[in-house]
N, C-alpha and C. Protein backbone atom coordinates (compact mmCIF):
# COMPACT_ATOMS: atom_id res chain seq x y z
N UNK A 1 8.91 -69.72 79.67
CA UNK A 1 9.63 -68.54 80.51
C UNK A 1 11.17 -69.20 80.55
N UNK A 2 12.18 -68.21 80.12
CA UNK A 2 13.63 -68.66 80.27
C UNK A 2 14.00 -69.01 81.82
N UNK A 3 14.73 -69.89 81.98
CA UNK A 3 15.51 -70.21 83.27
C UNK A 3 16.75 -69.22 83.38
N UNK A 4 17.42 -68.90 84.45
CA UNK A 4 18.59 -68.78 84.83
C UNK A 4 19.66 -69.10 83.88
N UNK A 5 20.00 -70.52 83.68
CA UNK A 5 20.91 -70.69 82.86
C UNK A 5 20.67 -70.67 81.50
N UNK A 6 19.29 -70.73 80.96
CA UNK A 6 19.05 -70.52 79.48
C UNK A 6 19.51 -68.99 79.36
N UNK A 7 19.05 -68.09 80.63
CA UNK A 7 19.45 -66.56 79.97
C UNK A 7 20.78 -66.49 80.18
N UNK A 8 21.59 -66.91 80.86
CA UNK A 8 23.36 -67.09 81.02
C UNK A 8 23.63 -67.75 79.55
N UNK A 9 23.44 -68.44 79.22
CA UNK A 9 23.63 -69.12 78.06
C UNK A 9 23.47 -68.23 76.63
N UNK A 10 22.22 -67.63 76.80
CA UNK A 10 21.90 -66.40 75.74
C UNK A 10 22.78 -65.24 75.92
N UNK A 11 22.82 -64.87 77.05
CA UNK A 11 23.81 -63.47 77.01
C UNK A 11 25.38 -64.01 76.64
N UNK A 12 25.73 -65.09 77.16
CA UNK A 12 26.95 -65.52 76.58
C UNK A 12 26.87 -65.70 74.91
N UNK A 13 26.12 -66.13 74.61
CA UNK A 13 26.14 -66.32 73.22
C UNK A 13 26.14 -65.03 72.17
N UNK A 14 25.38 -63.80 73.05
CA UNK A 14 25.32 -62.43 72.42
C UNK A 14 26.65 -61.81 72.54
N UNK A 15 27.31 -61.93 73.71
CA UNK A 15 28.57 -61.20 73.84
C UNK A 15 29.49 -61.81 73.12
N UNK A 16 29.75 -63.50 72.85
CA UNK A 16 30.64 -64.05 71.90
C UNK A 16 30.33 -63.50 70.55
N UNK A 17 28.93 -63.41 70.08
CA UNK A 17 28.80 -63.21 68.93
C UNK A 17 29.32 -61.68 68.54
N UNK A 18 29.06 -60.71 69.30
CA UNK A 18 29.67 -59.20 69.39
C UNK A 18 31.37 -59.39 69.35
N UNK A 19 31.84 -60.17 70.08
CA UNK A 19 33.34 -60.23 70.24
C UNK A 19 33.93 -60.86 68.97
N UNK A 20 33.37 -61.51 68.43
CA UNK A 20 33.64 -62.07 66.55
C UNK A 20 33.07 -61.09 65.71
N UNK A 21 32.31 -60.28 65.95
CA UNK A 21 31.99 -59.32 64.85
C UNK A 21 33.16 -58.18 65.10
N UNK A 22 33.19 -57.84 66.18
CA UNK A 22 34.43 -56.73 66.51
C UNK A 22 35.81 -57.31 65.85
N UNK A 23 36.06 -58.79 65.95
CA UNK A 23 37.54 -59.09 65.43
C UNK A 23 37.24 -59.02 64.33
N UNK A 24 36.41 -59.50 63.46
CA UNK A 24 36.10 -59.45 61.85
C UNK A 24 36.13 -58.23 61.36
N UNK A 25 35.80 -57.09 62.19
CA UNK A 25 35.50 -55.39 61.72
C UNK A 25 37.24 -55.16 61.65
N UNK A 26 37.86 -55.57 62.77
CA UNK A 26 39.30 -55.02 62.77
C UNK A 26 40.05 -55.75 61.66
N UNK A 27 39.65 -56.92 61.71
CA UNK A 27 40.48 -57.70 60.27
C UNK A 27 40.37 -57.06 59.24
N UNK A 28 39.13 -56.78 58.89
CA UNK A 28 39.01 -55.88 57.62
C UNK A 28 39.39 -54.76 57.37
N UNK A 29 39.50 -53.94 58.60
CA UNK A 29 39.91 -52.60 58.36
C UNK A 29 41.19 -52.38 58.80
N UNK A 30 42.15 -53.54 59.00
CA UNK A 30 43.50 -53.20 59.26
C UNK A 30 44.37 -52.99 57.87
N UNK A 31 43.87 -53.71 56.72
CA UNK A 31 44.78 -53.50 55.65
C UNK A 31 44.53 -51.93 54.81
N UNK A 32 43.17 -51.51 55.14
CA UNK A 32 42.97 -50.42 54.67
C UNK A 32 43.32 -49.24 55.63
N UNK A 33 43.63 -49.19 56.54
CA UNK A 33 44.22 -48.27 57.77
C UNK A 33 45.90 -48.48 57.53
N UNK A 34 46.17 -49.66 57.14
CA UNK A 34 47.60 -49.70 56.81
C UNK A 34 48.11 -48.77 55.63
N UNK A 35 47.27 -48.85 54.60
CA UNK A 35 47.42 -48.11 53.35
C UNK A 35 47.26 -46.61 53.70
N UNK A 36 46.28 -46.38 54.57
CA UNK A 36 46.23 -45.05 54.91
C UNK A 36 47.36 -44.15 55.58
N UNK A 37 47.98 -45.07 56.44
CA UNK A 37 49.20 -44.85 57.12
C UNK A 37 50.55 -44.78 56.24
N UNK A 38 50.29 -45.53 55.22
CA UNK A 38 51.60 -45.35 54.31
C UNK A 38 51.56 -43.97 53.50
N UNK A 39 50.36 -43.93 52.81
CA UNK A 39 50.00 -42.74 52.23
C UNK A 39 50.29 -41.32 52.88
N UNK A 40 49.93 -41.56 54.57
CA UNK A 40 50.13 -40.09 55.07
C UNK A 40 51.54 -40.16 55.38
N UNK A 41 52.56 -41.02 55.54
CA UNK A 41 53.93 -41.02 55.71
C UNK A 41 54.55 -40.47 54.34
N UNK A 42 54.07 -41.14 53.45
CA UNK A 42 54.68 -40.43 52.12
C UNK A 42 54.49 -39.32 51.99
N UNK A 43 53.24 -38.70 52.28
CA UNK A 43 52.77 -37.19 52.30
C UNK A 43 53.60 -36.56 53.33
N UNK A 44 53.69 -36.80 54.27
CA UNK A 44 54.77 -35.90 55.43
C UNK A 44 56.08 -36.06 55.13
N UNK A 45 56.82 -37.35 54.52
CA UNK A 45 57.82 -37.17 53.89
C UNK A 45 58.10 -36.11 52.90
N UNK A 46 57.07 -36.07 51.79
CA UNK A 46 57.40 -35.26 50.97
C UNK A 46 57.40 -33.80 51.12
N UNK A 47 56.80 -33.33 52.15
CA UNK A 47 56.60 -31.96 52.77
C UNK A 47 58.03 -31.73 53.75
N UNK A 48 58.61 -32.80 54.18
CA UNK A 48 59.91 -32.23 54.86
C UNK A 48 60.86 -32.41 53.64
N UNK A 49 61.15 -33.02 52.69
CA UNK A 49 62.02 -32.92 51.78
C UNK A 49 61.75 -31.68 50.82
């Protein structure tokens, strides 16, 4: 059976892993989102002009 300190460390490890996964996902998605923003800005400028 796991003791309270063991469960705390396990929980902290899970939270830390999820935080790292979220940061990595945002790091990977950011260039794609920036390209989409540029494309959308270009389309909206073409419609205005």
